[in-house]
Amino acid sequence: MSTTMNRRSIVKAATGLAAVGMPRWFVEDAVFAQDVKLRSANDTLAIALIGCGGRGTGDARQAAKHGKIVALCDVDDEQLGRAKLAWPDATAYKDFRKLLERKDIDVIVNGTPDHWHTLVNMAAMKSGRDVYSEKPLTLTIDEGKRLVQVARATNRILQTGSQQRSDANFRLACELVVNGRIGQLQHVDVWLPHGRREGPFKPSVTPGNLDWEMWQGQTPKVDYVKERTHVTFRYWWEYSGGTMTDWGAHHLDIALWGTGYERSGPVSVEAKPLVKMIPGGFTAHSEYEVHYTYANGVTQTCMSTTANAWNGSVLKPDGQQHGVRFNGSGGWIFVTRGKIEASDPSLLSTPLPSSAQRLVASDDHMQNFFDCVRSRKSPICDAQIGHRSVSVCHLGVIALRLGRKLAWDPAKEEFVNDPESNQWLSREMRAPWTYDLT
């Protein structure tokens, strides 16, 4: 690509930022921060998609702008078939291990259900591939610790799909907070969409298009229940953590970014469910309240909300829109998808000084990943950041299930003098699945 083409892309990015109402000073800084590089047009990257559901294929469409989709994998023939319609020249697989035997694949896009993320990611990196992985990055904190070790040992690029890191509103909010725009940070409010509360569900005959045994993988073997698969898998503890991990991997990640603890975490957590789940139905708490404390005294509350729309509308007139609000001694800043506001508009419009701390800038999450695949620089949401972000979610899940206050050591990544709680940091894998197999 020519330098002219890169400049055009910079102008396009700046125009986009201005169009959505970002402060002029922030737009100008973003333009000057762009790294204009000459790129070769001959290094077409071969990409494989593992997990061909809606989220996975969406990621693959974005990835296809930066390379060629050459392989697809899914345990559901219907999902695999739909992906083949989009990429007819790609080879189809039912087992990701067979796909990874190929030598011509450079990048893996991992769109599998949450309980499969870690094993697929570890296997991909061990086989020499860079990975764009859907969030939440892991099913347990122990998985995350192991995944970070593998990323470091293999020197592979892993981008966690927490794409709010590449949204200008969220970056602006966090840059202002870390630079003291709202004074001394005191408290962070995080609102997440509530989960589903339904059931009981009855087992049924496994559809012929689905390899149910492979879909379950390392998790406990159970009879097939339709609601355990595809979109609604995330409302079962066995496969995810409800919206606490699904949306928490987005908004709690931003909370960590703004507080400066993106590679650490809180020192205590306590939580309570707000409704009882229906026996025989979804198991992950649908409504909840979680409280965190950080070493510097900043507190944080994470609440479920029934106002699930992200574009400024709400489902209930009195509902709280999901998002993150940073509260300081000099005001507050609230940010969610498509909106940023403050207690005083000047908190947003006044430029930061030239000496201000600037956060890593990315306005396209997939572009950032592929830029790092080529440059070998760390992406904006690398393995450690993705692990620490979902660890905060997992801490909330554990506190919800145990029902008592827990002291956490973010350096050792374990509960303090609490063997019972530490048992929840990992889960037993069902044979034949182990970390060693990957």
Foldseek 3Di string as FASTA:
>chain_A
DDLVVQLVVLVVLLVVCVVLPAFPLLSVVSSVPDDRDDDDPPPAAEEEEEAQDPVRVVVVVVLCVRHHDAAYEDQFQVSQVVVCVVVVNHHYYDDVVVVLVDDRHAEYEYPAFQACQLLSLLSQLVSPHAYEYEPLNHLFLVSLVVSVVSCVVSLHAYFYPLCVLQASQLQLQLLLLVQQLQHAFAEKEFEWAFFDFDDQFDADDDDPRGPVVVSLFFFDDDGDTPCCDDPNVQLASRGHQTRLGVVLLHALLSVCSNVVNLLFAFFKKAKEAPDDGDPNHRDHRRWMWMKTAHPVGHIYIYTYWNQDDQQPDGPDPPIDYGFMWTHHPRWIWTDTVSDIDIPDNVSRNPDDDPPGDHADHHNGQSVQSVVCSVVSDHGNCTSSSSSRSSNNSLSHSLNHVVRDMWGADRVVGATDPDVVSRVRRDDGTDPPDDSVVD
